[in-house]
């Protein structure tokens, strides 16, 4: 066969070599690695900032203290967070997002016993997992919420208003006692966050055992039970058509 008789087939799109694509693929790994380093450094700085702000408050804390605790140069901290206030707000916003996610039970269930119980359990778990963050939030509120009033007005308030609608619907359906929805939410917040904000008091009065995993789990269920009883939450019994009491 002569060479000129051989059909030359152009490579298909999948096989074609695109120099730009090759360069992009080569650059992707370093970019991913850089993004991972950034994410890791930011998380470390946020955790250390949460601890320092909990101990010293906003005014008493400094970016030097936070960088030192994180084991990073101060210049690195300012690369990720230009100012102390920027870092402080990130801590507060991050905590709010955790609390916001905890309220998903209100959307996941139409049953007030399941929804409220799930919310209380998640908030209790957060108090155990992020006690320092809760202390930062409480300290900011105690001092007038100067640095986070917009978070309260623009994010917390709209969220609370939607929960109030749900609670009022349950009351109208006879699934909840005729209570003030805000009072219920404030009670849940005060009770669950007490285990973070007043951790030192609990240890002093009840001993460290009160906060170990097993005992904390038992305490959580008692808190759930008391709040459910206090608001008169009711649910549909499995084999009954009318709405029946879930608790005694």
Protein backbone atom coordinates (compact mmCIF):
# COMPACT_ATOMS: atom_id res chain seq x y z
CA UNK A 1 0.00 0.00 0.00
CA UNK A 2 1.30 3.33 -1.00
CA UNK A 3 1.64 6.03 1.68
CA UNK A 4 -0.68 8.33 -0.23
CA UNK A 5 -3.41 5.62 -0.09
CA UNK A 6 -3.51 5.65 3.72
CA UNK A 7 -6.43 7.66 5.04
CA UNK A 8 -5.34 10.20 7.58
CA UNK A 9 -7.95 10.52 10.34
CA UNK A 10 -7.95 13.65 12.46
CA UNK A 11 -8.03 12.98 16.21
CA UNK A 12 -11.53 13.19 17.74
CA UNK A 13 -12.39 16.00 20.15
CA UNK A 14 -11.75 13.79 23.17
CA UNK A 15 -8.32 12.84 21.87
CA UNK A 16 -7.32 16.23 20.51
CA UNK A 17 -4.62 17.95 22.49
CA UNK A 18 -5.61 21.40 23.64
CA UNK A 19 -2.60 23.27 25.01
CA UNK A 20 -4.83 25.64 26.98
CA UNK A 21 -6.65 22.70 28.60
CA UNK A 22 -3.34 21.05 29.45
CA UNK A 23 -2.13 24.24 31.10
CA UNK A 24 -5.39 24.58 33.01
CA UNK A 25 -5.13 20.97 34.21
CA UNK A 26 -1.53 21.51 35.28
CA UNK A 27 -2.49 24.67 37.16
CA UNK A 28 -5.54 23.09 38.85
CA UNK A 29 -3.56 21.16 41.47
CA UNK A 30 -1.63 24.15 42.81
CA UNK A 31 -4.86 26.17 42.88
CA UNK A 32 -6.65 23.44 44.83
CA UNK A 33 -3.70 23.15 47.18
CA UNK A 34 -3.65 26.92 47.68
CA UNK A 35 -7.40 26.94 48.37
CA UNK A 36 -6.99 24.14 50.91
CA UNK A 37 -4.20 26.02 52.70
CA UNK A 38 -6.31 29.17 52.77
CA UNK A 39 -9.32 27.30 54.11
CA UNK A 40 -7.21 25.59 56.78
CA UNK A 41 -5.57 28.86 57.87
CA UNK A 42 -8.90 30.69 58.01
CA UNK A 43 -10.48 27.91 60.08
CA UNK A 44 -7.52 27.92 62.48
CA UNK A 45 -7.62 31.70 62.84
CA UNK A 46 -11.39 31.70 63.41
CA UNK A 47 -11.12 29.02 66.10
CA UNK A 48 -8.32 30.91 67.87
CA UNK A 49 -10.16 34.21 67.52
CA UNK A 50 -13.27 32.63 69.04
CA UNK A 51 -11.23 31.54 72.07
CA UNK A 52 -9.47 34.90 72.52
CA UNK A 53 -12.67 36.95 72.09
CA UNK A 54 -14.43 34.67 74.60
CA UNK A 55 -11.66 35.24 77.15
CA UNK A 56 -10.87 38.93 76.54
CA UNK A 57 -13.92 40.42 74.86
CA UNK A 58 -13.67 42.54 71.72
CA UNK A 59 -11.87 45.45 73.36
CA UNK A 60 -9.43 43.31 75.33
CA UNK A 61 -8.46 41.08 72.40
CA UNK A 62 -5.86 41.93 69.79
CA UNK A 63 -4.91 40.48 66.45
CA UNK A 64 -1.42 39.85 67.87
CA UNK A 65 -2.91 37.60 70.58
CA UNK A 66 -4.96 35.70 68.02
CA UNK A 67 -2.06 35.26 65.58
CA UNK A 68 0.19 34.06 68.40
CA UNK A 69 -2.37 31.50 69.54
CA UNK A 70 -2.79 30.31 65.94
CA UNK A 71 0.99 30.02 65.53
CA UNK A 72 0.92 32.26 62.47
CA UNK A 73 2.60 35.60 61.75
CA UNK A 74 0.37 38.61 62.37
CA UNK A 75 0.81 39.55 58.70
CA UNK A 76 -0.83 36.26 57.73
CA UNK A 77 -3.83 37.05 59.91
CA UNK A 78 -4.28 40.43 58.25
CA UNK A 79 -3.95 38.81 54.82
CA UNK A 80 -7.12 36.82 55.56
CA UNK A 81 -8.87 39.30 57.88
CA UNK A 82 -7.94 42.97 57.29
CA UNK A 83 -9.12 44.20 60.71
CA UNK A 84 -9.97 42.89 64.16
CA UNK A 85 -13.60 43.91 63.63
CA UNK A 86 -13.76 41.95 60.37
CA UNK A 87 -12.49 38.85 62.18
CA UNK A 88 -14.84 39.42 65.13
CA UNK A 89 -17.88 39.67 62.88
CA UNK A 90 -16.86 36.52 61.03
CA UNK A 91 -16.87 34.65 64.35
CA UNK A 92 -20.35 35.99 65.17
CA UNK A 93 -21.72 35.28 61.68
CA UNK A 94 -20.28 31.77 61.69
CA UNK A 95 -21.95 31.04 65.01
CA UNK A 96 -25.26 32.43 63.75
CA UNK A 97 -25.07 30.11 60.74
CA UNK A 98 -24.65 27.13 63.08
CA UNK A 99 -27.66 28.24 65.13
CA UNK A 100 -29.63 28.91 61.95
CA UNK A 101 -28.99 25.36 60.73
CA UNK A 102 -30.11 24.07 64.12
CA UNK A 103 -33.57 25.49 63.41
CA UNK A 104 -34.03 23.35 60.29
CA UNK A 105 -36.21 21.02 62.38
CA UNK A 106 -38.95 23.65 62.14
CA UNK A 107 -38.97 23.10 58.37
CA UNK A 108 -38.32 19.35 58.49
CA UNK A 109 -41.38 18.46 60.57
CA UNK A 110 -44.96 19.71 60.94
CA UNK A 111 -45.09 18.01 64.33
CA UNK A 112 -44.34 20.54 67.12
CA UNK A 113 -43.05 17.84 69.47
CA UNK A 114 -40.53 16.64 66.89
CA UNK A 115 -39.67 20.14 65.64
CA UNK A 116 -39.21 21.80 69.02
CA UNK A 117 -37.53 18.75 70.53
CA UNK A 118 -35.10 18.52 67.62
CA UNK A 119 -34.32 22.22 67.85
CA UNK A 120 -33.61 22.04 71.59
CA UNK A 121 -31.38 18.97 71.16
CA UNK A 122 -29.37 20.64 68.41
CA UNK A 123 -28.99 23.87 70.39
CA UNK A 124 -27.85 21.88 73.44
CA UNK A 125 -25.32 20.01 71.29
CA UNK A 126 -24.01 23.33 69.95
CA UNK A 127 -23.61 24.66 73.48
CA UNK A 128 -21.45 21.64 74.20
CA UNK A 129 -19.52 21.83 70.92
CA UNK A 130 -19.07 25.62 70.70
CA UNK A 131 -19.25 27.04 74.23
CA UNK A 132 -16.68 29.73 73.42
CA UNK A 133 -18.66 31.00 70.45
CA UNK A 134 -21.78 31.25 72.59
CA UNK A 135 -19.81 33.25 75.17
CA UNK A 136 -18.63 35.67 72.46
CA UNK A 137 -22.24 36.17 71.31
CA UNK A 138 -23.55 36.62 74.87
CA UNK A 139 -20.81 39.09 75.77
CA UNK A 140 -21.55 41.16 72.66
CA UNK A 141 -25.28 41.26 73.50
CA UNK A 142 -24.57 42.20 77.14
CA UNK A 143 -22.50 45.15 75.91
CA UNK A 144 -25.29 46.46 73.70
CA UNK A 145 -24.71 44.53 70.45
CA UNK A 146 -22.73 47.50 69.11
CA UNK A 147 -20.85 45.43 66.55
CA UNK A 148 -23.70 43.19 65.41
CA UNK A 149 -26.94 45.16 65.50
CA UNK A 150 -27.32 44.68 61.74
CA UNK A 151 -26.99 40.90 62.19
CA UNK A 152 -29.82 40.96 64.75
CA UNK A 153 -32.07 43.22 62.66
CA UNK A 154 -31.37 41.85 59.18
CA UNK A 155 -30.81 38.16 59.89
CA UNK A 156 -31.98 37.03 63.33
CA UNK A 157 -35.25 39.01 63.29
CA UNK A 158 -36.49 37.76 59.87
CA UNK A 159 -35.64 34.20 60.91
CA UNK A 160 -37.50 34.61 64.21
CA UNK A 161 -40.55 36.06 62.43
CA UNK A 162 -40.85 32.94 60.26
CA UNK A 163 -40.67 30.70 63.37
CA UNK A 164 -43.37 32.81 65.03
CA UNK A 165 -45.67 32.13 62.06
CA UNK A 166 -45.09 28.38 62.44
CA UNK A 167 -45.68 28.48 66.20
CA UNK A 168 -48.89 30.50 65.77
CA UNK A 169 -50.12 27.94 63.23
CA UNK A 170 -49.56 25.15 65.77
CA UNK A 171 -51.47 27.16 68.38
CA UNK A 172 -54.37 27.67 65.92
CA UNK A 173 -54.43 23.92 65.25
CA UNK A 174 -54.55 23.09 68.95
CA UNK A 175 -51.10 21.51 68.87
CA UNK A 176 -49.59 24.08 71.20
CA UNK A 177 -50.88 25.95 74.25
CA UNK A 178 -51.85 29.62 73.65
CA UNK A 179 -48.43 31.03 74.46
CA UNK A 180 -46.34 33.98 73.34
CA UNK A 181 -44.12 32.56 70.54
CA UNK A 182 -41.31 35.00 71.33
CA UNK A 183 -41.35 33.94 74.98
CA UNK A 184 -40.98 30.31 73.90
CA UNK A 185 -38.02 31.07 71.64
CA UNK A 186 -36.34 33.24 74.28
CA UNK A 187 -36.80 30.44 76.83
CA UNK A 188 -35.22 27.90 74.48
CA UNK A 189 -32.26 30.19 73.79
CA UNK A 190 -31.76 31.07 77.46
CA UNK A 191 -31.94 27.47 78.61
CA UNK A 192 -29.77 25.86 75.95
CA UNK A 193 -27.12 28.61 75.89
CA UNK A 194 -26.90 28.57 79.69
CA UNK A 195 -24.90 25.34 79.38
CA UNK A 196 -22.27 27.23 77.37
CA UNK A 197 -22.33 30.75 78.82
CA UNK A 198 -22.47 29.62 82.47
CA UNK A 199 -20.29 26.53 82.11
CA UNK A 200 -18.05 27.65 85.01
CA UNK A 201 -21.08 28.00 87.28
CA UNK A 202 -22.36 24.55 86.33
CA UNK A 203 -18.95 23.00 87.05
CA UNK A 204 -18.71 24.79 90.41
CA UNK A 205 -22.23 23.86 91.54
CA UNK A 206 -22.70 20.45 89.93
CA UNK A 207 -19.19 19.18 89.27
CA UNK A 208 -17.52 18.36 85.92
CA UNK A 209 -19.51 15.12 85.62
CA UNK A 210 -22.59 17.22 84.82
CA UNK A 211 -21.01 18.12 81.48
CA UNK A 212 -19.58 14.75 80.45
CA UNK A 213 -21.14 13.19 77.33
CA UNK A 214 -23.43 10.68 79.05
CA UNK A 215 -24.73 13.03 81.73
CA UNK A 216 -25.10 15.87 79.23
CA UNK A 217 -27.19 13.60 77.02
CA UNK A 218 -29.47 12.81 79.95
CA UNK A 219 -29.72 16.50 80.85
CA UNK A 220 -30.58 17.34 77.24
CA UNK A 221 -33.54 14.95 77.27
CA UNK A 222 -34.76 16.44 80.56
CA UNK A 223 -34.55 19.94 79.09
CA UNK A 224 -36.45 18.78 75.99
CA UNK A 225 -39.14 17.18 78.16
CA UNK A 226 -39.56 20.29 80.33
CA UNK A 227 -39.82 22.66 77.37
CA UNK A 228 -42.30 20.41 75.55
CA UNK A 229 -44.43 20.25 78.68
CA UNK A 230 -44.14 23.99 79.31
CA UNK A 231 -45.47 24.92 75.88
CA UNK A 232 -48.12 22.18 75.87
CA UNK A 233 -46.90 20.67 72.59
CA UNK A 234 -49.09 17.89 71.21
CA UNK A 235 -48.70 15.46 68.34
CA UNK A 236 -50.79 12.95 66.39
CA UNK A 237 -50.77 9.55 68.10
CA UNK A 238 -49.71 6.79 65.72
CA UNK A 239 -53.03 4.95 65.64
CA UNK A 240 -55.49 7.75 66.43
CA UNK A 241 -57.23 10.09 64.05
CA UNK A 242 -57.75 12.99 66.47
CA UNK A 243 -54.74 14.92 67.66
CA UNK A 244 -53.61 13.47 70.96
CA UNK A 245 -51.17 14.49 73.62
CA UNK A 246 -47.64 13.23 73.16
CA UNK A 247 -46.88 13.73 76.81
CA UNK A 248 -49.11 12.65 79.66
